[in-house]
Amino acid sequence: MLIHNATFMVDPHRGAEFLEWFAPLARKAGPEGKSRLSVMRQAGGETAGETQALCVAFQGEFESMEDVAAWTSKRLRPLVAAFERRFAPDAMVFTSVFETIF
């Protein structure tokens, strides 16, 4: 199984606005029954707070890289474009794909 991760980083002062806007869109865009949305609460031993960017991981499970590519072009790219229009320049997103071991 493959896990596609898109981490969205937003200015902490716009965090509530971002979550209110993003959560319903992510729910619709994610692979049905195989996605999750998580907020980072700690990194490197430091608790996330008001001075650091809000980091939200949007993850989906896929069977193949072809499925990842199809979903990325159909669902994720439009979502990222809307995110950048609304929250740039004080926001960014990065993606990665992991293969599960167990």
PDB file of N, CA and C in Angstrom:
ATOM      1  N   MET A   1       0.838  -1.163   0.000  1.00  0.00           N
ATOM      2  CA  MET A   1       0.000   0.000   0.000  1.00  0.00           C
ATOM      3  C   MET A   1       0.892   1.237   0.000  1.00  0.00           C
ATOM      4  N   LEU A   2       0.426   2.275  -0.664  1.00  0.00           N
ATOM      5  CA  LEU A   2       1.135   3.549  -0.730  1.00  0.00           C
ATOM      6  C   LEU A   2       0.348   4.607   0.032  1.00  0.00           C
ATOM      7  N   ILE A   3       1.071   5.458   0.732  1.00  0.00           N
ATOM      8  CA  ILE A   3       0.465   6.578   1.450  1.00  0.00           C
ATOM      9  C   ILE A   3       0.971   7.860   0.806  1.00  0.00           C
ATOM     10  N   HIS A   4       0.049   8.630   0.235  1.00  0.00           N
ATOM     11  CA  HIS A   4       0.402   9.945  -0.303  1.00  0.00           C
ATOM     12  C   HIS A   4       0.184  10.952   0.813  1.00  0.00           C
ATOM     13  N   ASN A   5       1.198  11.764   1.080  1.00  0.00           N
ATOM     14  CA  ASN A   5       1.126  12.789   2.113  1.00  0.00           C
ATOM     15  C   ASN A   5       1.295  14.161   1.469  1.00  0.00           C
ATOM     16  N   ALA A   6       0.387  15.063   1.779  1.00  0.00           N
ATOM     17  CA  ALA A   6       0.526  16.470   1.402  1.00  0.00           C
ATOM     18  C   ALA A   6       0.477  17.268   2.697  1.00  0.00           C
ATOM     19  N   THR A   7       1.577  17.924   3.041  1.00  0.00           N
ATOM     20  CA  THR A   7       1.617  18.737   4.250  1.00  0.00           C
ATOM     21  C   THR A   7       1.433  20.197   3.861  1.00  0.00           C
ATOM     22  N   PHE A   8       0.393  20.791   4.409  1.00  0.00           N
ATOM     23  CA  PHE A   8       0.058  22.190   4.165  1.00  0.00           C
ATOM     24  C   PHE A   8       0.537  22.999   5.367  1.00  0.00           C
ATOM     25  N   MET A   9       1.279  24.059   5.100  1.00  0.00           N
ATOM     26  CA  MET A   9       1.803  24.925   6.160  1.00  0.00           C
ATOM     27  C   MET A   9       1.233  26.325   5.956  1.00  0.00           C
ATOM     28  N   VAL A  10       0.683  26.881   7.047  1.00  0.00           N
ATOM     29  CA  VAL A  10      -0.025  28.156   6.972  1.00  0.00           C
ATOM     30  C   VAL A  10       0.424  29.059   8.122  1.00  0.00           C
ATOM     31  N   ASP A  11       0.437  30.350   7.866  1.00  0.00           N
ATOM     32  CA  ASP A  11       0.708  31.327   8.916  1.00  0.00           C
ATOM     33  C   ASP A  11      -0.189  31.012  10.117  1.00  0.00           C
ATOM     34  N   PRO A  12       0.376  30.971  11.328  1.00  0.00           N
ATOM     35  CA  PRO A  12      -0.423  30.576  12.493  1.00  0.00           C
ATOM     36  C   PRO A  12      -1.624  31.484  12.758  1.00  0.00           C
ATOM     37  N   HIS A  13      -1.556  32.732  12.336  1.00  0.00           N
ATOM     38  CA  HIS A  13      -2.674  33.651  12.547  1.00  0.00           C
ATOM     39  C   HIS A  13      -3.844  33.365  11.608  1.00  0.00           C
ATOM     40  N   ARG A  14      -3.606  32.543  10.594  1.00  0.00           N
ATOM     41  CA  ARG A  14      -4.678  32.177   9.659  1.00  0.00           C
ATOM     42  C   ARG A  14      -5.059  30.706   9.794  1.00  0.00           C
ATOM     43  N   GLY A  15      -4.580  30.067  10.858  1.00  0.00           N
ATOM     44  CA  GLY A  15      -4.812  28.641  11.045  1.00  0.00           C
ATOM     45  C   GLY A  15      -6.274  28.258  11.129  1.00  0.00           C
ATOM     46  N   ALA A  16      -7.050  28.973  11.937  1.00  0.00           N
ATOM     47  CA  ALA A  16      -8.476  28.653  12.085  1.00  0.00           C
ATOM     48  C   ALA A  16      -9.204  28.845  10.759  1.00  0.00           C
ATOM     49  N   GLU A  17      -8.884  29.931  10.070  1.00  0.00           N
ATOM     50  CA  GLU A  17      -9.489  30.187   8.753  1.00  0.00           C
ATOM     51  C   GLU A  17      -9.157  29.051   7.792  1.00  0.00           C
ATOM     52  N   PHE A  18      -7.891  28.624   7.792  1.00  0.00           N
ATOM     53  CA  PHE A  18      -7.472  27.545   6.902  1.00  0.00           C
ATOM     54  C   PHE A  18      -8.232  26.256   7.195  1.00  0.00           C
ATOM     55  N   LEU A  19      -8.284  25.854   8.453  1.00  0.00           N
ATOM     56  CA  LEU A  19      -8.953  24.590   8.793  1.00  0.00           C
ATOM     57  C   LEU A  19     -10.433  24.617   8.440  1.00  0.00           C
ATOM     58  N   GLU A  20     -11.088  25.741   8.701  1.00  0.00           N
ATOM     59  CA  GLU A  20     -12.510  25.862   8.361  1.00  0.00           C
ATOM     60  C   GLU A  20     -12.724  25.749   6.854  1.00  0.00           C
ATOM     61  N   TRP A  21     -11.833  26.344   6.087  1.00  0.00           N
ATOM     62  CA  TRP A  21     -11.926  26.304   4.628  1.00  0.00           C
ATOM     63  C   TRP A  21     -11.516  24.936   4.082  1.00  0.00           C
ATOM     64  N   PHE A  22     -10.417  24.380   4.610  1.00  0.00           N
ATOM     65  CA  PHE A  22      -9.797  23.206   4.011  1.00  0.00           C
ATOM     66  C   PHE A  22     -10.465  21.883   4.362  1.00  0.00           C
ATOM     67  N   ALA A  23     -10.887  21.704   5.597  1.00  0.00           N
ATOM     68  CA  ALA A  23     -11.403  20.398   6.035  1.00  0.00           C
ATOM     69  C   ALA A  23     -12.528  19.862   5.148  1.00  0.00           C
ATOM     70  N   PRO A  24     -13.556  20.644   4.822  1.00  0.00           N
ATOM     71  CA  PRO A  24     -14.604  20.085   3.959  1.00  0.00           C
ATOM     72  C   PRO A  24     -14.115  19.780   2.539  1.00  0.00           C
ATOM     73  N   LEU A  25     -13.191  20.591   2.032  1.00  0.00           N
ATOM     74  CA  LEU A  25     -12.652  20.339   0.694  1.00  0.00           C
ATOM     75  C   LEU A  25     -11.807  19.070   0.679  1.00  0.00           C
ATOM     76  N   ALA A  26     -11.005  18.870   1.719  1.00  0.00           N
ATOM     77  CA  ALA A  26     -10.171  17.669   1.807  1.00  0.00           C
ATOM     78  C   ALA A  26     -11.037  16.423   1.931  1.00  0.00           C
ATOM     79  N   ARG A  27     -12.109  16.506   2.707  1.00  0.00           N
ATOM     80  CA  ARG A  27     -13.004  15.356   2.863  1.00  0.00           C
ATOM     81  C   ARG A  27     -13.565  14.928   1.499  1.00  0.00           C
ATOM     82  N   LYS A  28     -13.939  15.904   0.683  1.00  0.00           N
ATOM     83  CA  LYS A  28     -14.481  15.600  -0.650  1.00  0.00           C
ATOM     84  C   LYS A  28     -13.401  15.109  -1.608  1.00  0.00           C
ATOM     85  N   ALA A  29     -12.187  15.638  -1.484  1.00  0.00           N
ATOM     86  CA  ALA A  29     -11.115  15.321  -2.431  1.00  0.00           C
ATOM     87  C   ALA A  29     -10.397  14.021  -2.117  1.00  0.00           C
ATOM     88  N   GLY A  30     -10.425  13.599  -0.872  1.00  0.00           N
ATOM     89  CA  GLY A  30      -9.677  12.409  -0.470  1.00  0.00           C
ATOM     90  C   GLY A  30     -10.256  11.135  -1.040  1.00  0.00           C
ATOM     91  N   PRO A  31      -9.419  10.101  -1.186  1.00  0.00           N
ATOM     92  CA  PRO A  31      -9.932   8.805  -1.622  1.00  0.00           C
ATOM     93  C   PRO A  31     -10.916   8.283  -0.578  1.00  0.00           C
ATOM     94  N   GLU A  32     -12.099   7.913  -1.002  1.00  0.00           N
ATOM     95  CA  GLU A  32     -13.187   7.556  -0.089  1.00  0.00           C
ATOM     96  C   GLU A  32     -12.797   6.457   0.897  1.00  0.00           C
ATOM     97  N   GLY A  33     -12.956   6.764   2.179  1.00  0.00           N
ATOM     98  CA  GLY A  33     -12.668   5.802   3.231  1.00  0.00           C
ATOM     99  C   GLY A  33     -11.201   5.530   3.465  1.00  0.00           C
ATOM    100  N   LYS A  34     -10.340   6.196   2.704  1.00  0.00           N
ATOM    101  CA  LYS A  34      -8.908   5.917   2.803  1.00  0.00           C
ATOM    102  C   LYS A  34      -8.090   7.195   2.927  1.00  0.00           C
ATOM    103  N   SER A  35      -8.632   8.169   3.639  1.00  0.00           N
ATOM    104  CA  SER A  35      -7.885   9.415   3.814  1.00  0.00           C
ATOM    105  C   SER A  35      -7.990   9.879   5.262  1.00  0.00           C
ATOM    106  N   ARG A  36      -7.061  10.763   5.621  1.00  0.00           N
ATOM    107  CA  ARG A  36      -7.086  11.347   6.964  1.00  0.00           C
ATOM    108  C   ARG A  36      -6.506  12.756   6.894  1.00  0.00           C
ATOM    109  N   LEU A  37      -6.933  13.574   7.835  1.00  0.00           N
ATOM    110  CA  LEU A  37      -6.448  14.943   7.970  1.00  0.00           C
ATOM    111  C   LEU A  37      -5.977  15.103   9.412  1.00  0.00           C
ATOM    112  N   SER A  38      -4.714  15.494   9.593  1.00  0.00           N
ATOM    113  CA  SER A  38      -4.112  15.567  10.931  1.00  0.00           C
ATOM    114  C   SER A  38      -3.378  16.889  11.111  1.00  0.00           C
ATOM    115  N   VAL A  39      -3.443  17.426  12.323  1.00  0.00           N
ATOM    116  CA  VAL A  39      -2.726  18.651  12.665  1.00  0.00           C
ATOM    117  C   VAL A  39      -1.494  18.281  13.486  1.00  0.00           C
ATOM    118  N   MET A  40      -0.341  18.828  13.117  1.00  0.00           N
ATOM    119  CA  MET A  40       0.879  18.572  13.882  1.00  0.00           C
ATOM    120  C   MET A  40       0.791  19.289  15.229  1.00  0.00           C
ATOM    121  N   ARG A  41       1.099  18.549  16.289  1.00  0.00           N
ATOM    122  CA  ARG A  41       1.067  19.118  17.638  1.00  0.00           C
ATOM    123  C   ARG A  41       2.450  19.229  18.264  1.00  0.00           C
ATOM    124  N   GLN A  42       3.424  18.495  17.730  1.00  0.00           N
ATOM    125  CA  GLN A  42       4.778  18.550  18.274  1.00  0.00           C
ATOM    126  C   GLN A  42       5.770  18.160  17.188  1.00  0.00           C
ATOM    127  N   ALA A  43       6.930  18.824  17.182  1.00  0.00           N
ATOM    128  CA  ALA A  43       8.013  18.483  16.252  1.00  0.00           C
ATOM    129  C   ALA A  43       9.343  18.745  16.937  1.00  0.00           C
ATOM    130  N   GLY A  44      10.235  17.783  16.856  1.00  0.00           N
ATOM    131  CA  GLY A  44      11.558  17.945  17.452  1.00  0.00           C
ATOM    132  C   GLY A  44      11.509  18.222  18.939  1.00  0.00           C
ATOM    133  N   GLY A  45      10.502  17.685  19.611  1.00  0.00           N
ATOM    134  CA  GLY A  45      10.367  17.887  21.043  1.00  0.00           C
ATOM    135  C   GLY A  45       9.714  19.195  21.442  1.00  0.00           C
ATOM    136  N   GLU A  46       9.389  20.038  20.457  1.00  0.00           N
ATOM    137  CA  GLU A  46       8.750  21.318  20.749  1.00  0.00           C
ATOM    138  C   GLU A  46       7.271  21.256  20.403  1.00  0.00           C
ATOM    139  N   THR A  47       6.458  21.773  21.309  1.00  0.00           N
ATOM    140  CA  THR A  47       5.022  21.821  21.082  1.00  0.00           C
ATOM    141  C   THR A  47       4.715  22.902  20.062  1.00  0.00           C
ATOM    142  N   ALA A  48       3.867  22.567  19.103  1.00  0.00           N
ATOM    143  CA  ALA A  48       3.455  23.556  18.108  1.00  0.00           C
ATOM    144  C   ALA A  48       2.708  24.678  18.827  1.00  0.00           C
ATOM    145  N   GLY A  49       2.939  25.891  18.403  1.00  0.00           N
ATOM    146  CA  GLY A  49       2.316  27.018  19.087  1.00  0.00           C
ATOM    147  C   GLY A  49       1.987  28.153  18.153  1.00  0.00           C
ATOM    148  N   GLU A  50       1.717  29.291  18.741  1.00  0.00           N
ATOM    149  CA  GLU A  50       1.272  30.449  17.978  1.00  0.00           C
ATOM    150  C   GLU A  50       2.366  31.082  17.135  1.00  0.00           C
ATOM    151  N   THR A  51       3.625  30.771  17.400  1.00  0.00           N
ATOM    152  CA  THR A  51       4.714  31.405  16.654  1.00  0.00           C
ATOM    153  C   THR A  51       5.188  30.565  15.476  1.00  0.00           C
ATOM    154  N   GLN A  52       4.718  29.332  15.358  1.00  0.00           N
ATOM    155  CA  GLN A  52       5.134  28.452  14.265  1.00  0.00           C
ATOM    156  C   GLN A  52       3.978  28.255  13.292  1.00  0.00           C
ATOM    157  N   ALA A  53       4.317  27.926  12.082  1.00  0.00           N
ATOM    158  CA  ALA A  53       3.287  27.667  11.081  1.00  0.00           C
ATOM    159  C   ALA A  53       2.393  26.518  11.521  1.00  0.00           C
ATOM    160  N   LEU A  54       1.124  26.618  11.190  1.00  0.00           N
ATOM    161  CA  LEU A  54       0.208  25.500  11.380  1.00  0.00           C
ATOM    162  C   LEU A  54       0.519  24.488  10.287  1.00  0.00           C
ATOM    163  N   CYS A  55       0.774  23.240  10.661  1.00  0.00           N
ATOM    164  CA  CYS A  55       1.092  22.179   9.705  1.00  0.00           C
ATOM    165  C   CYS A  55      -0.014  21.138   9.742  1.00  0.00           C
ATOM    166  N   VAL A  56      -0.598  20.876   8.587  1.00  0.00           N
ATOM    167  CA  VAL A  56      -1.694  19.923   8.471  1.00  0.00           C
ATOM    168  C   VAL A  56      -1.325  18.888   7.423  1.00  0.00           C
ATOM    169  N   ALA A  57      -1.385  17.620   7.809  1.00  0.00           N
ATOM    170  CA  ALA A  57      -1.081  16.520   6.891  1.00  0.00           C
ATOM    171  C   ALA A  57      -2.384  15.960   6.335  1.00  0.00           C
ATOM    172  N   PHE A  58      -2.477  15.929   5.020  1.00  0.00           N
ATOM    173  CA  PHE A  58      -3.612  15.341   4.307  1.00  0.00           C
ATOM    174  C   PHE A  58      -3.075  14.087   3.639  1.00  0.00           C
ATOM    175  N   GLN A  59      -3.536  12.922   4.099  1.00  0.00           N
ATOM    176  CA  GLN A  59      -2.979  11.653   3.631  1.00  0.00           C
ATOM    177  C   GLN A  59      -4.057  10.763   3.038  1.00  0.00           C
ATOM    178  N   GLY A  60      -3.662  10.030   2.000  1.00  0.00           N
ATOM    179  CA  GLY A  60      -4.557   9.071   1.371  1.00  0.00           C
ATOM    180  C   GLY A  60      -3.834   7.778   1.067  1.00  0.00           C
ATOM    181  N   GLU A  61      -4.586   6.679   1.075  1.00  0.00           N
ATOM    182  CA  GLU A  61      -4.036   5.349   0.799  1.00  0.00           C
ATOM    183  C   GLU A  61      -4.359   4.943  -0.637  1.00  0.00           C
ATOM    184  N   PHE A  62      -3.362   4.352  -1.302  1.00  0.00           N
ATOM    185  CA  PHE A  62      -3.514   3.943  -2.696  1.00  0.00           C
ATOM    186  C   PHE A  62      -2.855   2.597  -2.920  1.00  0.00           C
ATOM    187  N   GLU A  63      -3.296   1.898  -3.951  1.00  0.00           N
ATOM    188  CA  GLU A  63      -2.749   0.585  -4.284  1.00  0.00           C
ATOM    189  C   GLU A  63      -1.538   0.660  -5.205  1.00  0.00           C
ATOM    190  N   SER A  64      -1.444   1.717  -6.023  1.00  0.00           N
ATOM    191  CA  SER A  64      -0.354   1.789  -7.003  1.00  0.00           C
ATOM    192  C   SER A  64       0.054   3.238  -7.245  1.00  0.00           C
ATOM    193  N   MET A  65       1.238   3.415  -7.828  1.00  0.00           N
ATOM    194  CA  MET A  65       1.687   4.760  -8.199  1.00  0.00           C
ATOM    195  C   MET A  65       0.796   5.345  -9.291  1.00  0.00           C
ATOM    196  N   GLU A  66       0.231   4.492 -10.125  1.00  0.00           N
ATOM    197  CA  GLU A  66      -0.704   4.973 -11.145  1.00  0.00           C
ATOM    198  C   GLU A  66      -1.934   5.587 -10.487  1.00  0.00           C
ATOM    199  N   ASP A  67      -2.432   4.941  -9.416  1.00  0.00           N
ATOM    200  CA  ASP A  67      -3.573   5.489  -8.679  1.00  0.00           C
ATOM    201  C   ASP A  67      -3.205   6.818  -8.027  1.00  0.00           C
ATOM    202  N   VAL A  68      -2.005   6.892  -7.471  1.00  0.00           N
ATOM    203  CA  VAL A  68      -1.525   8.143  -6.866  1.00  0.00           C
ATOM    204  C   VAL A  68      -1.495   9.239  -7.923  1.00  0.00           C
ATOM    205  N   ALA A  69      -0.920   8.947  -9.079  1.00  0.00           N
ATOM    206  CA  ALA A  69      -0.796   9.948 -10.145  1.00  0.00           C
ATOM    207  C   ALA A  69      -2.162  10.419 -10.632  1.00  0.00           C
ATOM    208  N   ALA A  70      -3.094   9.490 -10.797  1.00  0.00           N
ATOM    209  CA  ALA A  70      -4.434   9.855 -11.263  1.00  0.00           C
ATOM    210  C   ALA A  70      -5.132  10.750 -10.244  1.00  0.00           C
ATOM    211  N   TRP A  71      -5.065  10.378  -8.975  1.00  0.00           N
ATOM    212  CA  TRP A  71      -5.697  11.173  -7.924  1.00  0.00           C
ATOM    213  C   TRP A  71      -5.040  12.548  -7.805  1.00  0.00           C
ATOM    214  N   THR A  72      -3.712  12.576  -7.892  1.00  0.00           N
ATOM    215  CA  THR A  72      -2.990  13.839  -7.782  1.00  0.00           C
ATOM    216  C   THR A  72      -3.427  14.810  -8.868  1.00  0.00           C
ATOM    217  N   SER A  73      -3.493  14.344 -10.097  1.00  0.00           N
ATOM    218  CA  SER A  73      -3.849  15.261 -11.183  1.00  0.00           C
ATOM    219  C   SER A  73      -5.321  15.658 -11.145  1.00  0.00           C
ATOM    220  N   LYS A  74      -6.188  14.739 -10.756  1.00  0.00           N
ATOM    221  CA  LYS A  74      -7.628  15.023 -10.772  1.00  0.00           C
ATOM    222  C   LYS A  74      -8.093  15.781  -9.531  1.00  0.00           C
ATOM    223  N   ARG A  75      -7.603  15.413  -8.363  1.00  0.00           N
ATOM    224  CA  ARG A  75      -8.131  15.961  -7.116  1.00  0.00           C
ATOM    225  C   ARG A  75      -7.173  16.888  -6.372  1.00  0.00           C
ATOM    226  N   LEU A  76      -5.912  16.473  -6.239  1.00  0.00           N
ATOM    227  CA  LEU A  76      -5.003  17.250  -5.391  1.00  0.00           C
ATOM    228  C   LEU A  76      -4.549  18.547  -6.049  1.00  0.00           C
ATOM    229  N   ARG A  77      -4.152  18.500  -7.303  1.00  0.00           N
ATOM    230  CA  ARG A  77      -3.638  19.722  -7.953  1.00  0.00           C
ATOM    231  C   ARG A  77      -4.632  20.877  -7.903  1.00  0.00           C
ATOM    232  N   PRO A  78      -5.925  20.654  -8.216  1.00  0.00           N
ATOM    233  CA  PRO A  78      -6.869  21.772  -8.099  1.00  0.00           C
ATOM    234  C   PRO A  78      -6.995  22.297  -6.665  1.00  0.00           C
ATOM    235  N   LEU A  79      -6.926  21.395  -5.692  1.00  0.00           N
ATOM    236  CA  LEU A  79      -7.006  21.798  -4.288  1.00  0.00           C
ATOM    237  C   LEU A  79      -5.787  22.634  -3.893  1.00  0.00           C
ATOM    238  N   VAL A  80      -4.604  22.216  -4.321  1.00  0.00           N
ATOM    239  CA  VAL A  80      -3.378  22.971  -4.032  1.00  0.00           C
ATOM    240  C   VAL A  80      -3.425  24.343  -4.707  1.00  0.00           C
ATOM    241  N   ALA A  81      -3.919  24.406  -5.932  1.00  0.00           N
ATOM    242  CA  ALA A  81      -4.015  25.689  -6.634  1.00  0.00           C
ATOM    243  C   ALA A  81      -4.942  26.648  -5.883  1.00  0.00           C
ATOM    244  N   ALA A  82      -6.072  26.150  -5.413  1.00  0.00           N
ATOM    245  CA  ALA A  82      -7.002  26.985  -4.643  1.00  0.00           C
ATOM    246  C   ALA A  82      -6.362  27.434  -3.331  1.00  0.00           C
ATOM    247  N   PHE A  83      -5.634  26.535  -2.682  1.00  0.00           N
ATOM    248  CA  PHE A  83      -4.921  26.851  -1.441  1.00  0.00           C
ATOM    249  C   PHE A  83      -3.912  27.976  -1.677  1.00  0.00           C
ATOM    250  N   GLU A  84      -3.130  27.864  -2.730  1.00  0.00           N
ATOM    251  CA  GLU A  84      -2.115  28.878  -3.010  1.00  0.00           C
ATOM    252  C   GLU A  84      -2.743  30.226  -3.347  1.00  0.00           C
ATOM    253  N   ARG A  85      -3.841  30.217  -4.087  1.00  0.00           N
ATOM    254  CA  ARG A  85      -4.519  31.478  -4.399  1.00  0.00           C
ATOM    255  C   ARG A  85      -5.011  32.164  -3.124  1.00  0.00           C
ATOM    256  N   ARG A  86      -5.512  31.383  -2.204  1.00  0.00           N
ATOM    257  CA  ARG A  86      -6.123  31.955  -1.006  1.00  0.00           C
ATOM    258  C   ARG A  86      -5.112  32.319   0.086  1.00  0.00           C
ATOM    259  N   PHE A  87      -4.068  31.516   0.269  1.00  0.00           N
ATOM    260  CA  PHE A  87      -3.203  31.685   1.435  1.00  0.00           C
ATOM    261  C   PHE A  87      -1.775  32.146   1.131  1.00  0.00           C
ATOM    262  N   ALA A  88      -1.344  32.128  -0.120  1.00  0.00           N
ATOM    263  CA  ALA A  88      -0.002  32.610  -0.459  1.00  0.00           C
ATOM    264  C   ALA A  88       0.065  34.112  -0.214  1.00  0.00           C
ATOM    265  N   PRO A  89       1.200  34.672   0.083  1.00  0.00           N
ATOM    266  CA  PRO A  89       2.520  34.068   0.041  1.00  0.00           C
ATOM    267  C   PRO A  89       2.958  33.448   1.370  1.00  0.00           C
ATOM    268  N   ASP A  90       2.112  33.513   2.391  1.00  0.00           N
ATOM    269  CA  ASP A  90       2.503  33.018   3.717  1.00  0.00           C
ATOM    270  C   ASP A  90       2.055  31.580   3.950  1.00  0.00           C
ATOM    271  N   ALA A  91       2.218  30.745   2.938  1.00  0.00           N
ATOM    272  CA  ALA A  91       1.792  29.351   3.035  1.00  0.00           C
ATOM    273  C   ALA A  91       2.575  28.526   2.021  1.00  0.00           C
ATOM    274  N   MET A  92       2.644  27.231   2.275  1.00  0.00           N
ATOM    275  CA  MET A  92       3.298  26.328   1.324  1.00  0.00           C
ATOM    276  C   MET A  92       2.754  24.920   1.511  1.00  0.00           C
ATOM    277  N   VAL A  93       3.010  24.084   0.522  1.00  0.00           N
ATOM    278  CA  VAL A  93       2.628  22.678   0.602  1.00  0.00           C
ATOM    279  C   VAL A  93       3.773  21.848   0.039  1.00  0.00           C
ATOM    280  N   PHE A  94       4.025  20.698   0.647  1.00  0.00           N
ATOM    281  CA  PHE A  94       4.967  19.744   0.069  1.00  0.00           C
ATOM    282  C   PHE A  94       4.344  18.360   0.131  1.00  0.00           C
ATOM    283  N   THR A  95       4.753  17.526  -0.813  1.00  0.00           N
ATOM    284  CA  THR A  95       4.159  16.193  -0.916  1.00  0.00           C
ATOM    285  C   THR A  95       5.230  15.115  -0.866  1.00  0.00           C
ATOM    286  N   SER A  96       4.795  13.924  -0.488  1.00  0.00           N
ATOM    287  CA  SER A  96       5.663  12.749  -0.478  1.00  0.00           C
ATOM    288  C   SER A  96       4.786  11.514  -0.590  1.00  0.00           C
ATOM    289  N   VAL A  97       5.400  10.412  -1.009  1.00  0.00           N
ATOM    290  CA  VAL A  97       4.700   9.129  -1.096  1.00  0.00           C
ATOM    291  C   VAL A  97       5.525   8.100  -0.337  1.00  0.00           C
ATOM    292  N   PHE A  98       4.864   7.382   0.557  1.00  0.00           N
ATOM    293  CA  PHE A  98       5.504   6.337   1.352  1.00  0.00           C
ATOM    294  C   PHE A  98       4.900   4.991   0.979  1.00  0.00           C
ATOM    295  N   GLU A  99       5.722   3.957   1.016  1.00  0.00           N
ATOM    296  CA  GLU A  99       5.227   2.594   0.840  1.00  0.00           C
ATOM    297  C   GLU A  99       5.214   1.929   2.210  1.00  0.00           C
ATOM    298  N   THR A 100       4.075   1.333   2.574  1.00  0.00           N
ATOM    299  CA  THR A 100       3.980   0.714   3.893  1.00  0.00           C
ATOM    300  C   THR A 100       4.797  -0.571   3.945  1.00  0.00           C
ATOM    301  N   ILE A 101       5.366  -0.827   5.100  1.00  0.00           N
ATOM    302  CA  ILE A 101       6.120  -2.053   5.351  1.00  0.00           C
ATOM    303  C   ILE A 101       5.263  -3.011   6.163  1.00  0.00           C
ATOM    304  N   PHE A 102       4.611  -2.511   7.199  1.00  0.00           N
ATOM    305  CA  PHE A 102       3.636  -3.309   7.958  1.00  0.00           C
ATOM    306  C   PHE A 102       2.574  -2.400   8.502  1.00  0.00           C
TER     307      PHE A 102
END
